[in-house]
């Protein structure tokens, strides 16, 4: 069997794990890993809250995989913008889509489209410095509602409530720091439609919430109710028992001990029914309906309505994948339709598309933790290997592999980035952190500061000069007045200026 050439689309955990498993499958294989952003790591870089460094340690494992050099990164290349699915099928024997879930799942209630109603995915992308999102975020509300009881909801609530000095040890860009500095919030209300035995928080995330300086966590004792379905959930899951214990501890805190200037309230058995506008069409309240358990862990409405004064609403009710031109898409589930990773011709079909695969959240939906993508990738790769051994995989042209694709990108003028380019950008961001200096209050130093501008990220990665016209507004590079700090023609480590 001749050497197989495979394109993996998406350089987040799902794509990197799939590439790694494929590289160790026993096949003779060349793997190109495509990423639409100039930097790798996907969800870990742009979807995990910056104040969770332990979770981000997964980058260390991903780094070791890509550093080997047998998986070649092609960043700043977007399928549908720079190359087509047909281009990929022409140059590769197989294509694996690992593009993740980058949009907010819909929440169809009245008022969801009001200007101060936001998706959590958009907010996370802002505070994580995603280059494709606006540099500014409207933080004007004193009272905020967060709808959802998963870890993303906790991340959003915590970042909104946290005081800026406690965020400055992280890698947040300066434009994010500037926004958070003006945040007037006093109260963040987190709403879940079911009870404590059904929330999707993980114990660690929930416990860490109680260690945020000058932020009280408030849970009502009235929100603890357990039916037989709830009891069964607790009997079968130690993790859920720990979550309930932590919520119980928060509820038992003496009100006189709650003296913080900011508060996070966790409300259970409250189902959102309407976001209420004021006379000018801006958010003034969230209405919820009280729910009750039905015996099996599910809930029904009671008809009791509560109006909560808030000036902004964030929905964190799940993520949703984006469709890809030339690939079938299930608009109901928000995934690429597939059978165990083999992509099918259309939703409900059993006819698979030869040489086209999916893995990760775009395959199965946004469920499970980052690590669970490993077992998911193993299933997809097992089917790819089976198809390869059966002789079912072949590119549609003779111009196959990495060199042919690079030639196509250069012919089209695509400013693609590579793994060596990421190492330049990685060093540059760490240099920005070191340049920042000591933080006040014995908080230490900053490990890195993210570069936000796509143009600047690309230029640094390609060893090109980063001039003032690439930077745009102050703060785009991650620190205020970057030109003043480094000079009008400052460039990244490893470029000709710093060589």
Protein backbone atom coordinates (compact mmCIF):
# COMPACT_ATOMS: atom_id res chain seq x y z
CA UNK A 1 0.00 0.00 0.00
CA UNK A 2 1.41 3.40 -0.99
CA UNK A 3 1.86 6.28 1.43
CA UNK A 4 -1.44 7.86 2.44
CA UNK A 5 -1.86 11.65 2.41
CA UNK A 6 -4.42 12.92 4.91
CA UNK A 7 -5.74 16.42 5.66
CA UNK A 8 -7.08 17.10 9.16
CA UNK A 9 -9.19 20.25 9.37
CA UNK A 10 -9.00 21.96 12.78
CA UNK A 11 -5.93 22.19 15.02
CA UNK A 12 -7.76 21.96 18.33
CA UNK A 13 -7.59 18.95 20.66
CA UNK A 14 -9.84 16.82 18.41
CA UNK A 15 -7.75 17.42 15.31
CA UNK A 16 -4.41 17.02 17.08
CA UNK A 17 -5.47 13.82 18.85
CA UNK A 18 -6.82 12.38 15.59
CA UNK A 19 -3.54 13.25 13.84
CA UNK A 20 -1.50 11.68 16.62
CA UNK A 21 -3.53 8.46 16.65
CA UNK A 22 -3.35 8.24 12.85
CA UNK A 23 0.42 8.76 12.90
CA UNK A 24 0.74 5.74 15.21
CA UNK A 25 -1.74 3.53 13.36
CA UNK A 26 0.84 1.54 11.43
CA UNK A 27 -0.05 3.13 8.10
CA UNK A 28 2.55 4.95 6.05
CA UNK A 29 0.96 8.38 6.23
CA UNK A 30 1.69 12.08 5.67
CA UNK A 31 -0.56 14.37 7.71
CA UNK A 32 -1.30 18.06 7.12
CA UNK A 33 -3.15 19.79 9.96
CA UNK A 34 -5.14 22.83 8.79
CA UNK A 35 -6.25 25.64 11.08
CA UNK A 36 -8.29 28.72 10.11
CA UNK A 37 -6.54 30.87 12.75
CA UNK A 38 -2.81 31.67 12.65
CA UNK A 39 -2.28 29.82 15.96
CA UNK A 40 -3.06 26.20 16.91
CA UNK A 41 -4.90 24.63 19.89
CA UNK A 42 -8.46 25.71 19.11
CA UNK A 43 -10.74 25.44 22.13
CA UNK A 44 -7.85 25.30 24.59
CA UNK A 45 -6.53 28.67 23.41
CA UNK A 46 -9.81 30.37 22.53
CA UNK A 47 -12.51 28.59 24.53
CA UNK A 48 -11.09 27.99 28.03
CA UNK A 49 -11.22 30.83 30.54
CA UNK A 50 -7.77 32.41 30.95
CA UNK A 51 -7.85 32.07 34.74
CA UNK A 52 -7.89 28.27 34.50
CA UNK A 53 -4.21 27.51 33.88
CA UNK A 54 -4.57 23.90 35.08
CA UNK A 55 -7.02 23.14 32.29
CA UNK A 56 -4.74 24.86 29.81
CA UNK A 57 -1.91 22.52 30.77
CA UNK A 58 -3.35 20.26 28.09
CA UNK A 59 -1.48 22.57 25.70
CA UNK A 60 1.74 21.00 26.98
CA UNK A 61 0.58 17.59 25.73
CA UNK A 62 -0.63 19.02 22.41
CA UNK A 63 2.65 20.93 22.00
CA UNK A 64 4.67 17.73 22.40
CA UNK A 65 2.64 16.05 19.66
CA UNK A 66 3.12 18.86 17.14
CA UNK A 67 6.75 19.51 18.09
CA UNK A 68 7.72 16.07 16.76
CA UNK A 69 7.45 17.42 13.23
CA UNK A 70 5.69 14.47 11.59
CA UNK A 71 2.36 16.37 11.62
CA UNK A 72 2.69 19.53 9.54
CA UNK A 73 0.66 22.59 10.55
CA UNK A 74 -0.86 24.89 7.94
CA UNK A 75 -2.40 27.79 9.86
CA UNK A 76 -4.36 30.83 8.71
CA UNK A 77 -6.04 28.62 6.07
CA UNK A 78 -9.82 28.42 6.11
CA UNK A 79 -11.84 25.86 4.19
CA UNK A 80 -14.37 27.84 2.17
CA UNK A 81 -12.23 30.97 2.18
CA UNK A 82 -8.79 29.89 0.99
CA UNK A 83 -9.36 26.33 -0.16
CA UNK A 84 -12.44 24.29 -1.04
CA UNK A 85 -13.46 20.78 -0.07
CA UNK A 86 -12.81 19.88 -3.71
CA UNK A 87 -9.24 21.21 -3.36
CA UNK A 88 -8.72 19.00 -0.33
CA UNK A 89 -10.11 15.92 -2.03
CA UNK A 90 -7.92 16.61 -5.03
CA UNK A 91 -4.72 16.76 -2.97
CA UNK A 92 -5.40 14.23 -0.19
CA UNK A 93 -6.52 10.61 -0.03
CA UNK A 94 -8.68 11.34 3.01
CA UNK A 95 -10.01 14.40 4.85
CA UNK A 96 -10.94 14.48 8.55
CA UNK A 97 -13.07 17.38 9.79
CA UNK A 98 -12.39 18.36 13.42
CA UNK A 99 -13.71 21.92 13.31
CA UNK A 100 -15.41 21.84 16.71
CA UNK A 101 -18.40 23.88 17.84
CA UNK A 102 -17.86 27.63 17.68
CA UNK A 103 -21.36 29.12 17.91
CA UNK A 104 -23.96 29.45 20.65
CA UNK A 105 -26.90 27.09 20.59
CA UNK A 106 -30.17 29.00 20.12
CA UNK A 107 -32.51 29.86 22.99
CA UNK A 108 -35.93 30.64 21.49
CA UNK A 109 -37.53 32.95 24.04
CA UNK A 110 -38.98 36.43 23.52
CA UNK A 111 -36.37 39.18 23.79
CA UNK A 112 -33.39 36.96 22.99
CA UNK A 113 -32.42 39.35 20.18
CA UNK A 114 -32.29 42.48 22.34
CA UNK A 115 -28.98 44.37 22.08
CA UNK A 116 -27.80 43.41 25.57
CA UNK A 117 -28.56 39.71 25.07
CA UNK A 118 -25.31 37.91 24.29
CA UNK A 119 -24.09 34.44 23.47
CA UNK A 120 -21.50 33.00 25.84
CA UNK A 121 -19.37 31.79 22.92
CA UNK A 122 -19.01 35.35 21.64
CA UNK A 123 -18.05 36.66 25.10
CA UNK A 124 -15.53 33.84 25.61
CA UNK A 125 -14.00 34.58 22.21
CA UNK A 126 -13.65 38.23 23.21
CA UNK A 127 -11.94 37.66 26.54
CA UNK A 128 -9.75 34.94 25.04
CA UNK A 129 -8.51 37.32 22.33
CA UNK A 130 -9.90 35.54 19.27
CA UNK A 131 -8.73 37.68 16.32
CA UNK A 132 -12.03 37.29 14.46
CA UNK A 133 -14.06 39.07 17.15
CA UNK A 134 -14.41 42.79 17.98
CA UNK A 135 -11.80 44.28 20.30
CA UNK A 136 -14.38 45.94 22.55
CA UNK A 137 -17.18 44.43 24.63
CA UNK A 138 -20.03 46.45 26.19
CA UNK A 139 -19.66 46.01 29.94
CA UNK A 140 -22.22 48.50 31.25
CA UNK A 141 -24.58 46.41 33.39
CA UNK A 142 -24.55 46.30 37.19
CA UNK A 143 -26.88 43.30 37.32
CA UNK A 144 -26.41 40.43 34.85
CA UNK A 145 -28.18 37.15 34.12
CA UNK A 146 -26.33 34.06 32.90
CA UNK A 147 -28.60 31.30 31.59
CA UNK A 148 -27.15 27.81 31.92
CA UNK A 149 -25.59 25.56 34.56
CA UNK A 150 -22.51 24.16 32.84
CA UNK A 151 -18.85 25.10 33.16
CA UNK A 152 -19.12 27.73 30.43
CA UNK A 153 -21.81 29.50 32.47
CA UNK A 154 -19.49 29.42 35.50
CA UNK A 155 -16.62 30.79 33.42
CA UNK A 156 -18.75 33.66 32.14
CA UNK A 157 -20.09 34.46 35.62
CA UNK A 158 -16.63 34.31 37.19
CA UNK A 159 -14.95 36.51 34.56
CA UNK A 160 -17.79 39.04 34.84
CA UNK A 161 -17.57 39.14 38.64
CA UNK A 162 -13.82 38.95 39.10
CA UNK A 163 -11.89 42.13 39.87
CA UNK A 164 -9.34 43.13 37.23
CA UNK A 165 -6.20 42.80 39.43
CA UNK A 166 -7.06 39.13 39.91
CA UNK A 167 -7.24 38.64 36.13
CA UNK A 168 -3.92 40.29 35.38
CA UNK A 169 -1.91 37.18 36.19
CA UNK A 170 -3.46 35.60 33.10
CA UNK A 171 -2.71 36.01 29.39
CA UNK A 172 -5.64 38.33 28.64
CA UNK A 173 -4.86 40.96 26.00
CA UNK A 174 -4.74 44.59 27.04
CA UNK A 175 -7.97 45.43 25.24
CA UNK A 176 -9.73 42.86 27.44
CA UNK A 177 -8.05 44.23 30.57
CA UNK A 178 -9.18 47.73 29.61
CA UNK A 179 -12.76 46.53 29.20
CA UNK A 180 -12.84 44.63 32.48
CA UNK A 181 -11.37 47.64 34.29
CA UNK A 182 -14.54 49.61 33.51
CA UNK A 183 -16.93 46.80 34.46
CA UNK A 184 -19.49 48.18 36.99
CA UNK A 185 -21.06 44.80 37.83
CA UNK A 186 -22.28 44.09 41.36
CA UNK A 187 -24.45 40.98 40.90
CA UNK A 188 -24.32 38.06 38.46
CA UNK A 189 -27.34 35.72 38.53
CA UNK A 190 -26.88 32.19 37.14
CA UNK A 191 -30.12 30.37 36.25
CA UNK A 192 -30.80 26.65 35.80
CA UNK A 193 -34.17 25.12 34.97
CA UNK A 194 -33.56 21.91 36.94
CA UNK A 195 -32.20 21.09 40.41
CA UNK A 196 -28.84 20.53 42.09
CA UNK A 197 -28.68 16.86 41.06
CA UNK A 198 -28.94 17.82 37.38
CA UNK A 199 -26.53 20.74 37.02
CA UNK A 200 -23.57 20.18 34.70
CA UNK A 201 -20.88 21.96 36.69
CA UNK A 202 -17.76 19.95 37.46
CA UNK A 203 -16.77 19.86 41.16
CA UNK A 204 -13.44 21.62 40.66
CA UNK A 205 -14.94 24.51 38.71
CA UNK A 206 -17.70 24.96 41.27
CA UNK A 207 -15.32 24.85 44.26
CA UNK A 208 -12.95 27.34 42.63
CA UNK A 209 -15.81 29.80 42.37
CA UNK A 210 -15.73 30.15 46.16
CA UNK A 211 -12.08 31.24 46.13
CA UNK A 212 -12.50 34.33 43.95
CA UNK A 213 -11.42 37.35 46.08
CA UNK A 214 -14.15 39.80 47.10
CA UNK A 215 -16.92 37.79 45.42
CA UNK A 216 -19.63 36.05 47.46
CA UNK A 217 -21.41 32.94 46.16
CA UNK A 218 -25.09 32.84 47.15
CA UNK A 219 -27.29 29.76 46.86
CA UNK A 220 -30.79 29.54 48.34
CA UNK A 221 -31.72 26.64 50.60
CA UNK A 222 -35.11 26.65 48.88
CA UNK A 223 -33.42 25.38 45.70
CA UNK A 224 -32.65 21.93 47.15
CA UNK A 225 -35.15 19.28 46.15
CA UNK A 226 -34.56 15.67 45.11
CA UNK A 227 -36.98 13.20 43.52
CA UNK A 228 -36.26 9.53 42.80
CA UNK A 229 -34.58 10.42 39.52
CA UNK A 230 -32.32 12.87 41.38
CA UNK A 231 -31.47 10.32 44.05
CA UNK A 232 -30.52 7.79 41.37
CA UNK A 233 -28.30 10.40 39.69
CA UNK A 234 -26.51 10.98 43.00
CA UNK A 235 -26.14 7.27 43.72
CA UNK A 236 -24.56 6.65 40.34
CA UNK A 237 -22.19 9.64 40.22
CA UNK A 238 -19.63 10.62 42.82
CA UNK A 239 -18.98 13.77 40.80
CA UNK A 240 -22.60 14.83 41.10
CA UNK A 241 -22.55 14.17 44.85
CA UNK A 242 -19.53 16.46 45.15
CA UNK A 243 -21.34 19.16 43.19
CA UNK A 244 -24.38 18.95 45.48
CA UNK A 245 -22.14 19.05 48.55
CA UNK A 246 -20.43 22.21 47.29
CA UNK A 247 -23.75 23.88 46.53
CA UNK A 248 -24.95 22.90 50.02
CA UNK A 249 -21.86 24.49 51.55
CA UNK A 250 -22.54 27.74 49.70
CA UNK A 251 -26.17 27.72 50.87
CA UNK A 252 -25.14 27.25 54.51
CA UNK A 253 -22.90 30.34 54.67
CA UNK A 254 -24.14 32.85 57.25
CA UNK A 255 -25.54 35.91 55.43
CA UNK A 256 -23.57 38.15 57.81
CA UNK A 257 -20.36 36.68 56.40
CA UNK A 258 -21.24 37.84 52.92
CA UNK A 259 -19.49 41.18 52.79
CA UNK A 260 -17.99 41.16 49.29
CA UNK A 261 -18.54 44.00 46.85
CA UNK A 262 -19.65 41.58 44.12
CA UNK A 263 -21.92 38.55 44.24
CA UNK A 264 -22.65 35.48 42.11
CA UNK A 265 -26.14 34.07 42.76
CA UNK A 266 -26.95 30.52 41.61
CA UNK A 267 -30.70 30.05 41.12
CA UNK A 268 -32.06 26.55 40.46
CA UNK A 269 -35.55 25.48 39.38
CA UNK A 270 -35.93 28.69 37.36
CA UNK A 271 -36.66 28.37 33.63
CA UNK A 272 -36.16 31.52 31.49
CA UNK A 273 -39.30 32.54 29.63
CA UNK A 274 -38.68 36.12 28.48
CA UNK A 275 -36.09 38.88 28.33
CA UNK A 276 -37.96 42.08 29.06
CA UNK A 277 -37.12 45.33 27.21
CA UNK A 278 -37.50 48.86 28.51
CA UNK A 279 -39.24 51.60 26.56
CA UNK A 280 -36.09 52.13 24.47
CA UNK A 281 -35.66 48.48 23.53
CA UNK A 282 -32.84 47.67 25.97
CA UNK A 283 -32.76 44.83 28.49
CA UNK A 284 -34.33 45.70 31.82
CA UNK A 285 -35.23 42.27 33.27
CA UNK A 286 -35.33 38.50 32.88
CA UNK A 287 -38.52 36.62 33.62
CA UNK A 288 -38.33 33.00 34.80
CA UNK A 289 -40.91 30.37 35.65
CA UNK A 290 -40.45 28.30 38.78
CA UNK A 291 -40.18 24.59 38.01
CA UNK A 292 -40.68 21.42 40.04
CA UNK A 293 -39.39 17.87 39.73
CA UNK A 294 -41.61 15.24 38.14
CA UNK A 295 -40.11 12.13 39.77
CA UNK A 296 -37.67 11.14 37.03
CA UNK A 297 -35.24 14.05 37.32
CA UNK A 298 -37.12 16.16 34.79
CA UNK A 299 -39.13 19.27 35.64
CA UNK A 300 -42.38 20.98 34.73
CA UNK A 301 -43.49 24.57 35.09
CA UNK A 302 -45.50 25.70 38.09
CA UNK A 303 -46.84 28.93 36.63
CA UNK A 304 -45.01 31.01 39.25
CA UNK A 305 -43.24 33.84 37.43
CA UNK A 306 -40.39 35.94 38.87
CA UNK A 307 -39.00 39.10 37.27
CA UNK A 308 -35.29 39.70 37.91
CA UNK A 309 -33.96 43.22 37.27
CA UNK A 310 -30.91 42.85 35.01
CA UNK A 311 -29.40 44.98 32.30
CA UNK A 312 -27.68 42.22 30.33
CA UNK A 313 -28.28 38.53 29.64
CA UNK A 314 -25.73 35.88 28.59
CA UNK A 315 -26.93 32.51 27.30
CA UNK A 316 -24.65 29.55 27.96
CA UNK A 317 -26.96 26.72 26.89
CA UNK A 318 -24.55 24.85 24.66
CA UNK A 319 -22.40 25.21 21.59
CA UNK A 320 -23.28 24.59 17.95
CA UNK A 321 -21.02 23.80 15.00
CA UNK A 322 -20.79 25.85 11.82
CA UNK A 323 -21.54 24.27 8.43
CA UNK A 324 -18.76 23.81 5.86
CA UNK A 325 -19.38 24.47 2.17
CA UNK A 326 -19.34 21.18 0.29
CA UNK A 327 -20.00 18.97 3.33
CA UNK A 328 -23.46 17.82 4.54
CA UNK A 329 -24.70 19.42 7.76
CA UNK A 330 -27.38 18.47 10.26
CA UNK A 331 -29.03 21.81 11.11
CA UNK A 332 -31.04 20.28 13.95
CA UNK A 333 -28.14 18.71 15.88
CA UNK A 334 -25.50 21.13 14.61
CA UNK A 335 -23.10 18.40 13.45
CA UNK A 336 -21.74 16.83 10.29
CA UNK A 337 -23.94 13.74 9.77
CA UNK A 338 -21.87 10.60 10.14
CA UNK A 339 -21.84 6.96 11.13
CA UNK A 340 -19.11 6.47 13.74
CA UNK A 341 -17.01 9.15 12.08
CA UNK A 342 -17.65 8.24 8.44
CA UNK A 343 -19.46 11.22 6.91
CA UNK A 344 -22.71 10.34 5.13
CA UNK A 345 -24.24 11.91 2.02
CA UNK A 346 -27.13 13.52 3.92
CA UNK A 347 -28.93 13.41 7.25
CA UNK A 348 -30.46 10.00 7.78
CA UNK A 349 -28.55 8.38 4.93
CA UNK A 350 -26.40 5.27 5.30
CA UNK A 351 -24.38 6.11 2.19
CA UNK A 352 -20.93 7.26 3.30
CA UNK A 353 -18.77 9.73 1.41
CA UNK A 354 -15.57 8.04 0.38
CA UNK A 355 -12.54 9.36 2.27
CA UNK A 356 -14.42 11.96 4.34
CA UNK A 357 -14.50 11.71 8.15
CA UNK A 358 -15.42 13.72 11.23
CA UNK A 359 -14.24 13.70 14.83
CA UNK A 360 -14.77 15.72 17.99
CA UNK A 361 -17.72 18.03 18.64
CA UNK A 362 -18.53 18.48 14.95
CA UNK A 363 -19.02 14.69 14.88
CA UNK A 364 -21.00 14.06 18.07
CA UNK A 365 -22.10 17.45 19.40
CA UNK A 366 -20.63 19.60 22.19
CA UNK A 367 -20.65 17.06 24.99
CA UNK A 368 -17.85 15.69 27.11
CA UNK A 369 -14.60 17.17 28.37
CA UNK A 370 -11.56 17.90 26.23
CA UNK A 371 -9.91 14.59 27.09
CA UNK A 372 -12.89 12.57 25.84
CA UNK A 373 -11.99 13.57 22.28
CA UNK A 374 -9.22 10.95 22.39
CA UNK A 375 -11.57 7.97 22.45
CA UNK A 376 -13.76 9.69 19.89
CA UNK A 377 -10.80 10.11 17.54
CA UNK A 378 -9.80 6.46 18.00
CA UNK A 379 -13.15 5.36 16.60
CA UNK A 380 -12.88 7.62 13.56
CA UNK A 381 -9.28 6.67 12.83
CA UNK A 382 -10.09 2.95 13.16
CA UNK A 383 -12.59 3.33 10.32
CA UNK A 384 -10.12 5.35 8.23
CA UNK A 385 -7.48 2.66 8.66
CA UNK A 386 -10.00 -0.01 7.70
CA UNK A 387 -10.93 1.93 4.54
CA UNK A 388 -7.26 2.46 3.66
CA UNK A 389 -6.43 -1.22 4.05
CA UNK A 390 -9.41 -2.08 1.85
CA UNK A 391 -8.06 0.21 -0.88
CA UNK A 392 -11.00 2.60 -0.75
CA UNK A 393 -9.01 5.85 -0.30
CA UNK A 394 -7.55 7.90 -3.14
CA UNK A 395 -7.15 11.57 -4.06
CA UNK A 396 -8.96 12.78 -7.17
CA UNK A 397 -5.77 14.04 -8.87
CA UNK A 398 -2.15 12.98 -9.15
CA UNK A 399 -0.96 16.23 -7.50
CA UNK A 400 -1.11 14.81 -4.00
CA UNK A 401 0.25 15.82 -0.62
CA UNK A 402 1.89 18.63 1.29
CA UNK A 403 4.05 20.15 -1.43
CA UNK A 404 1.15 20.28 -3.88
CA UNK A 405 -1.05 22.02 -1.30
CA UNK A 406 1.67 24.53 -0.37
CA UNK A 407 2.12 25.33 -4.05
CA UNK A 408 -1.64 25.94 -4.35
CA UNK A 409 -1.66 28.22 -1.29
CA UNK A 410 1.28 30.24 -2.57
CA UNK A 411 -0.30 30.49 -6.02
CA UNK A 412 -3.41 31.97 -4.37
CA UNK A 413 -1.41 34.33 -2.18
CA UNK A 414 -2.57 32.75 1.09
CA UNK A 415 -0.35 33.91 3.99
CA UNK A 416 -0.27 30.51 5.67
CA UNK A 417 1.58 29.89 8.92
CA UNK A 418 3.54 26.85 10.09
CA UNK A 419 4.60 25.16 13.32
CA UNK A 420 7.88 27.08 13.21
CA UNK A 421 5.81 30.23 12.86
CA UNK A 422 3.77 29.32 15.93
CA UNK A 423 7.00 28.96 17.90
CA UNK A 424 7.90 32.52 16.85
CA UNK A 425 4.48 33.81 17.97
CA UNK A 426 4.64 31.78 21.17
CA UNK A 427 8.01 33.32 22.04
CA UNK A 428 6.72 36.77 21.11
CA UNK A 429 3.74 36.52 23.46
CA UNK A 430 5.96 35.31 26.27
CA UNK A 431 8.26 38.27 25.62
CA UNK A 432 5.28 40.62 25.94
CA UNK A 433 4.49 39.05 29.31
CA UNK A 434 8.07 39.46 30.50
CA UNK A 435 8.11 43.06 29.27
CA UNK A 436 5.02 43.83 31.35
CA UNK A 437 7.04 43.47 34.55
CA UNK A 438 5.99 42.71 38.12
CA UNK A 439 2.31 42.85 38.99
CA UNK A 440 1.24 44.81 42.08
CA UNK A 441 0.29 43.06 45.29
CA UNK A 442 2.91 40.31 45.04
CA UNK A 443 1.00 38.68 42.21
CA UNK A 444 4.18 37.83 40.34
CA UNK A 445 4.71 38.29 36.62
CA UNK A 446 2.74 37.51 33.48
CA UNK A 447 3.68 34.32 31.63
CA UNK A 448 2.42 35.73 28.32
CA UNK A 449 0.11 38.33 26.80
CA UNK A 450 -1.86 37.28 23.76
CA UNK A 451 -1.46 39.01 20.43
CA UNK A 452 -4.98 39.72 19.12
CA UNK A 453 -4.63 41.17 15.63
CA UNK A 454 -4.79 38.46 12.96
CA UNK A 455 -2.50 40.53 10.74
CA UNK A 456 0.07 40.91 13.49
CA UNK A 457 -0.17 37.24 14.47
CA UNK A 458 0.43 36.25 10.86
CA UNK A 459 3.31 38.67 10.35
CA UNK A 460 5.08 37.53 13.53
CA UNK A 461 4.58 33.88 12.57
CA UNK A 462 6.06 34.51 9.13
CA UNK A 463 9.06 36.42 10.50
CA UNK A 464 7.90 39.69 8.92
CA UNK A 465 8.05 43.19 10.30
CA UNK A 466 5.16 44.20 12.54
CA UNK A 467 4.69 47.87 11.79
CA UNK A 468 2.32 50.40 13.30
CA UNK A 469 -0.16 50.06 10.44
CA UNK A 470 -0.58 46.35 11.25
CA UNK A 471 -1.23 47.01 14.92
CA UNK A 472 -4.24 49.25 14.45
CA UNK A 473 -5.59 50.65 17.70
CA UNK A 474 -3.51 50.73 20.91
CA UNK A 475 -3.87 47.46 22.75
CA UNK A 476 -4.25 45.31 19.64
CA UNK A 477 -0.86 43.76 20.21
CA UNK A 478 -1.68 42.93 23.80
CA UNK A 479 -0.08 45.85 25.64
CA UNK A 480 -1.03 49.54 25.50
CA UNK A 481 1.15 51.72 23.34
CA UNK A 482 3.11 48.79 21.92
CA UNK A 483 4.76 51.05 19.34
CA UNK A 484 6.00 53.34 22.10
CA UNK A 485 7.36 50.39 24.05
CA UNK A 486 9.15 48.65 21.19
CA UNK A 487 9.63 51.25 18.47
CA UNK A 488 7.81 51.92 15.21
CA UNK A 489 9.16 48.83 13.48
CA UNK A 490 9.17 46.34 16.34
CA UNK A 491 9.11 42.71 15.25
CA UNK A 492 8.80 39.29 16.81
CA UNK A 493 11.59 37.22 18.33
CA UNK A 494 13.31 35.26 15.59
CA UNK A 495 12.70 37.88 12.91
CA UNK A 496 15.47 39.67 11.08
CA UNK A 497 15.48 42.55 13.53
CA UNK A 498 16.03 40.33 16.55
CA UNK A 499 18.12 37.65 14.88
